[in-house]
Amino acid sequence: MLAHPHARSTESMFRLLYLESDLALVTALRKELRKPDYRLVTCSDRESAILFLKSEIPYHLLLIDLEWDSEGLKLTRLAHSQRHRKRLAIILVTAAESSKELQVLTRRAGVTHWVAKTPDMGAVSEAIRQLVEGA
């Protein structure tokens, strides 16, 4: 039987991997970045994060919360050490504006963008849209 000519694909256009567990951020992102266009995969533990990063599952963007401190930087390095993740855009989400020293340190680890959390988390979702949609 042939598929309906107007059937929608169940595949998301943009798959995002978020490492941490800020429920306010996850809720805001899921509200702003809706399916089917976006698929937000969340991971709050190191072992699972390593499995996700080493897997062949394609991601358009890696979002790391600064609350993971040095663990986030280690995972950033791991992501870029994987052949299939070398060009993966990485956003570091911070509670406040990041210092120049932090930007240098995180840039060396492979972070490509920084964004501070706002009460409505609008800056984070806007940064994601700009990166993955090329806006």
C-alpha atoms as a PDB file:
ATOM      1  CA  MET A   1       0.000   0.000   0.000  1.00  0.00           C
ATOM      2  CA  LEU A   2       1.327   3.426  -0.929  1.00  0.00           C
ATOM      3  CA  ALA A   3       1.825   6.103   1.711  1.00  0.00           C
ATOM      4  CA  HIS A   4      -0.502   9.074   1.686  1.00  0.00           C
ATOM      5  CA  PRO A   5       1.136  11.796  -0.470  1.00  0.00           C
ATOM      6  CA  HIS A   6       0.813  14.346   2.356  1.00  0.00           C
ATOM      7  CA  ALA A   7       1.966  12.082   5.166  1.00  0.00           C
ATOM      8  CA  ARG A   8       4.347  13.808   7.583  1.00  0.00           C
ATOM      9  CA  SER A   9       7.682  12.312   8.414  1.00  0.00           C
ATOM     10  CA  THR A  10       8.099  11.152  12.000  1.00  0.00           C
ATOM     11  CA  GLU A  11      11.771  12.146  11.865  1.00  0.00           C
ATOM     12  CA  SER A  12      12.678  15.443  13.538  1.00  0.00           C
ATOM     13  CA  MET A  13      14.479  18.034  11.467  1.00  0.00           C
ATOM     14  CA  PHE A  14      16.810  18.980  14.361  1.00  0.00           C
ATOM     15  CA  ARG A  15      17.983  16.657  17.129  1.00  0.00           C
ATOM     16  CA  LEU A  16      19.513  18.327  20.194  1.00  0.00           C
ATOM     17  CA  LEU A  17      21.393  16.666  23.046  1.00  0.00           C
ATOM     18  CA  TYR A  18      21.177  18.460  26.417  1.00  0.00           C
ATOM     19  CA  LEU A  19      23.582  17.404  29.152  1.00  0.00           C
ATOM     20  CA  GLU A  20      22.261  18.323  32.610  1.00  0.00           C
ATOM     21  CA  SER A  21      18.899  18.313  34.316  1.00  0.00           C
ATOM     22  CA  ASP A  22      17.610  21.864  34.748  1.00  0.00           C
ATOM     23  CA  LEU A  23      13.890  21.127  34.574  1.00  0.00           C
ATOM     24  CA  ALA A  24      12.986  24.789  34.036  1.00  0.00           C
ATOM     25  CA  LEU A  25      15.259  24.917  30.990  1.00  0.00           C
ATOM     26  CA  VAL A  26      13.999  21.589  29.618  1.00  0.00           C
ATOM     27  CA  THR A  27      10.375  22.678  30.049  1.00  0.00           C
ATOM     28  CA  ALA A  28      11.005  26.038  28.363  1.00  0.00           C
ATOM     29  CA  LEU A  29      12.880  24.449  25.461  1.00  0.00           C
ATOM     30  CA  ARG A  30      10.203  21.827  24.885  1.00  0.00           C
ATOM     31  CA  LYS A  31       7.602  24.589  24.870  1.00  0.00           C
ATOM     32  CA  GLU A  32       9.534  26.748  22.405  1.00  0.00           C
ATOM     33  CA  LEU A  33      11.185  24.085  20.246  1.00  0.00           C
ATOM     34  CA  ARG A  34       8.289  21.824  19.407  1.00  0.00           C
ATOM     35  CA  LYS A  35       8.056  18.487  17.696  1.00  0.00           C
ATOM     36  CA  PRO A  36       8.174  17.440  14.924  1.00  0.00           C
ATOM     37  CA  ASP A  37      10.827  20.027  13.988  1.00  0.00           C
ATOM     38  CA  TYR A  38      12.888  19.632  17.156  1.00  0.00           C
ATOM     39  CA  ARG A  39      13.719  16.622  19.257  1.00  0.00           C
ATOM     40  CA  LEU A  40      15.337  17.387  22.614  1.00  0.00           C
ATOM     41  CA  VAL A  41      17.220  14.456  24.115  1.00  0.00           C
ATOM     42  CA  THR A  42      18.151  15.028  27.756  1.00  0.00           C
ATOM     43  CA  CYS A  43      20.854  13.302  29.729  1.00  0.00           C
ATOM     44  CA  SER A  44      21.719  13.974  33.350  1.00  0.00           C
ATOM     45  CA  ASP A  45      24.461  11.446  34.110  1.00  0.00           C
ATOM     46  CA  ARG A  46      28.018  11.085  32.843  1.00  0.00           C
ATOM     47  CA  GLU A  47      27.832   7.434  31.767  1.00  0.00           C
ATOM     48  CA  SER A  48      24.756   7.960  29.602  1.00  0.00           C
ATOM     49  CA  ALA A  49      26.251  11.134  28.147  1.00  0.00           C
ATOM     50  CA  ILE A  50      29.333   9.185  27.062  1.00  0.00           C
ATOM     51  CA  LEU A  51      27.136   6.545  25.414  1.00  0.00           C
ATOM     52  CA  PHE A  52      25.104   9.199  23.571  1.00  0.00           C
ATOM     53  CA  LEU A  53      28.235  10.995  22.373  1.00  0.00           C
ATOM     54  CA  LYS A  54      29.943   7.822  21.170  1.00  0.00           C
ATOM     55  CA  SER A  55      26.798   6.531  19.466  1.00  0.00           C
ATOM     56  CA  GLU A  56      26.063   7.015  15.790  1.00  0.00           C
ATOM     57  CA  ILE A  57      22.843   8.893  16.624  1.00  0.00           C
ATOM     58  CA  PRO A  58      23.037  12.178  14.715  1.00  0.00           C
ATOM     59  CA  TYR A  59      22.726  15.431  16.686  1.00  0.00           C
ATOM     60  CA  HIS A  60      22.684  18.935  15.279  1.00  0.00           C
ATOM     61  CA  LEU A  61      23.737  20.561  18.513  1.00  0.00           C
ATOM     62  CA  LEU A  62      25.114  19.734  21.944  1.00  0.00           C
ATOM     63  CA  LEU A  63      23.834  21.854  24.817  1.00  0.00           C
ATOM     64  CA  ILE A  64      25.836  21.684  28.056  1.00  0.00           C
ATOM     65  CA  ASP A  65      24.841  23.385  31.289  1.00  0.00           C
ATOM     66  CA  LEU A  66      27.750  24.986  33.145  1.00  0.00           C
ATOM     67  CA  GLU A  67      26.476  23.308  36.322  1.00  0.00           C
ATOM     68  CA  TRP A  68      28.465  20.267  35.106  1.00  0.00           C
ATOM     69  CA  ASP A  69      31.667  22.328  35.599  1.00  0.00           C
ATOM     70  CA  SER A  70      34.758  20.394  34.533  1.00  0.00           C
ATOM     71  CA  GLU A  71      32.647  17.349  33.616  1.00  0.00           C
ATOM     72  CA  GLY A  72      30.976  19.412  30.898  1.00  0.00           C
ATOM     73  CA  LEU A  73      34.359  20.397  29.495  1.00  0.00           C
ATOM     74  CA  LYS A  74      35.502  16.762  29.505  1.00  0.00           C
ATOM     75  CA  LEU A  75      32.371  15.783  27.592  1.00  0.00           C
ATOM     76  CA  THR A  76      32.949  18.618  25.146  1.00  0.00           C
ATOM     77  CA  ARG A  77      36.435  17.277  24.460  1.00  0.00           C
ATOM     78  CA  LEU A  78      35.031  13.762  24.117  1.00  0.00           C
ATOM     79  CA  ALA A  79      32.439  14.957  21.597  1.00  0.00           C
ATOM     80  CA  HIS A  80      35.079  16.598  19.423  1.00  0.00           C
ATOM     81  CA  SER A  81      37.378  13.597  19.692  1.00  0.00           C
ATOM     82  CA  GLN A  82      34.721  11.495  17.954  1.00  0.00           C
ATOM     83  CA  ARG A  83      35.197  11.538  14.200  1.00  0.00           C
ATOM     84  CA  HIS A  84      31.474  11.953  13.523  1.00  0.00           C
ATOM     85  CA  ARG A  85      31.134  14.831  16.041  1.00  0.00           C
ATOM     86  CA  LYS A  86      34.096  17.028  15.044  1.00  0.00           C
ATOM     87  CA  ARG A  87      31.850  19.734  13.562  1.00  0.00           C
ATOM     88  CA  LEU A  88      29.116  19.507  16.180  1.00  0.00           C
ATOM     89  CA  ALA A  89      28.088  22.950  17.447  1.00  0.00           C
ATOM     90  CA  ILE A  90      28.246  23.172  21.235  1.00  0.00           C
ATOM     91  CA  ILE A  91      26.422  25.750  23.350  1.00  0.00           C
ATOM     92  CA  LEU A  92      27.462  26.286  26.954  1.00  0.00           C
ATOM     93  CA  VAL A  93      24.516  27.497  29.041  1.00  0.00           C
ATOM     94  CA  THR A  94      25.471  29.628  32.045  1.00  0.00           C
ATOM     95  CA  ALA A  95      23.562  31.195  34.931  1.00  0.00           C
ATOM     96  CA  ALA A  96      25.219  34.566  34.186  1.00  0.00           C
ATOM     97  CA  GLU A  97      27.394  36.141  31.507  1.00  0.00           C
ATOM     98  CA  SER A  98      30.606  34.162  31.133  1.00  0.00           C
ATOM     99  CA  SER A  99      33.971  35.736  31.898  1.00  0.00           C
ATOM    100  CA  LYS A 100      36.745  36.077  29.318  1.00  0.00           C
ATOM    101  CA  GLU A 101      38.791  33.453  31.204  1.00  0.00           C
ATOM    102  CA  LEU A 102      35.911  30.982  31.104  1.00  0.00           C
ATOM    103  CA  GLN A 103      35.373  31.651  27.406  1.00  0.00           C
ATOM    104  CA  VAL A 104      39.044  30.960  26.650  1.00  0.00           C
ATOM    105  CA  LEU A 105      39.017  27.765  28.721  1.00  0.00           C
ATOM    106  CA  THR A 106      35.784  26.482  27.190  1.00  0.00           C
ATOM    107  CA  ARG A 107      36.803  27.501  23.645  1.00  0.00           C
ATOM    108  CA  ARG A 108      39.917  25.331  24.032  1.00  0.00           C
ATOM    109  CA  ALA A 109      37.649  22.456  25.068  1.00  0.00           C
ATOM    110  CA  GLY A 110      35.503  22.910  21.951  1.00  0.00           C
ATOM    111  CA  VAL A 111      32.576  25.100  23.040  1.00  0.00           C
ATOM    112  CA  THR A 112      31.460  27.216  20.100  1.00  0.00           C
ATOM    113  CA  HIS A 113      28.785  29.443  21.710  1.00  0.00           C
ATOM    114  CA  TRP A 114      27.797  30.713  25.144  1.00  0.00           C
ATOM    115  CA  VAL A 115      24.387  31.858  26.290  1.00  0.00           C
ATOM    116  CA  ALA A 116      23.150  32.997  29.691  1.00  0.00           C
ATOM    117  CA  LYS A 117      19.881  31.706  31.101  1.00  0.00           C
ATOM    118  CA  THR A 118      17.069  34.226  31.327  1.00  0.00           C
ATOM    119  CA  PRO A 119      13.902  33.816  33.392  1.00  0.00           C
ATOM    120  CA  ASP A 120      11.924  32.696  30.315  1.00  0.00           C
ATOM    121  CA  MET A 121      14.943  30.881  28.774  1.00  0.00           C
ATOM    122  CA  GLY A 122      14.223  32.736  25.533  1.00  0.00           C
ATOM    123  CA  ALA A 123      17.902  33.509  24.895  1.00  0.00           C
ATOM    124  CA  VAL A 124      18.736  29.797  24.932  1.00  0.00           C
ATOM    125  CA  SER A 125      15.997  28.790  22.488  1.00  0.00           C
ATOM    126  CA  GLU A 126      16.865  31.722  20.204  1.00  0.00           C
ATOM    127  CA  ALA A 127      20.562  30.737  20.170  1.00  0.00           C
ATOM    128  CA  ILE A 128      19.581  27.176  19.290  1.00  0.00           C
ATOM    129  CA  ARG A 129      17.358  28.331  16.440  1.00  0.00           C
ATOM    130  CA  GLN A 130      20.094  30.567  15.032  1.00  0.00           C
ATOM    131  CA  LEU A 131      22.659  27.777  15.087  1.00  0.00           C
ATOM    132  CA  VAL A 132      20.628  24.896  13.701  1.00  0.00           C
ATOM    133  CA  GLU A 133      18.427  26.806  11.295  1.00  0.00           C
ATOM    134  CA  GLY A 134      21.177  29.129  10.140  1.00  0.00           C
ATOM    135  CA  ALA A 135      19.020  32.159  10.859  1.00  0.00           C
END
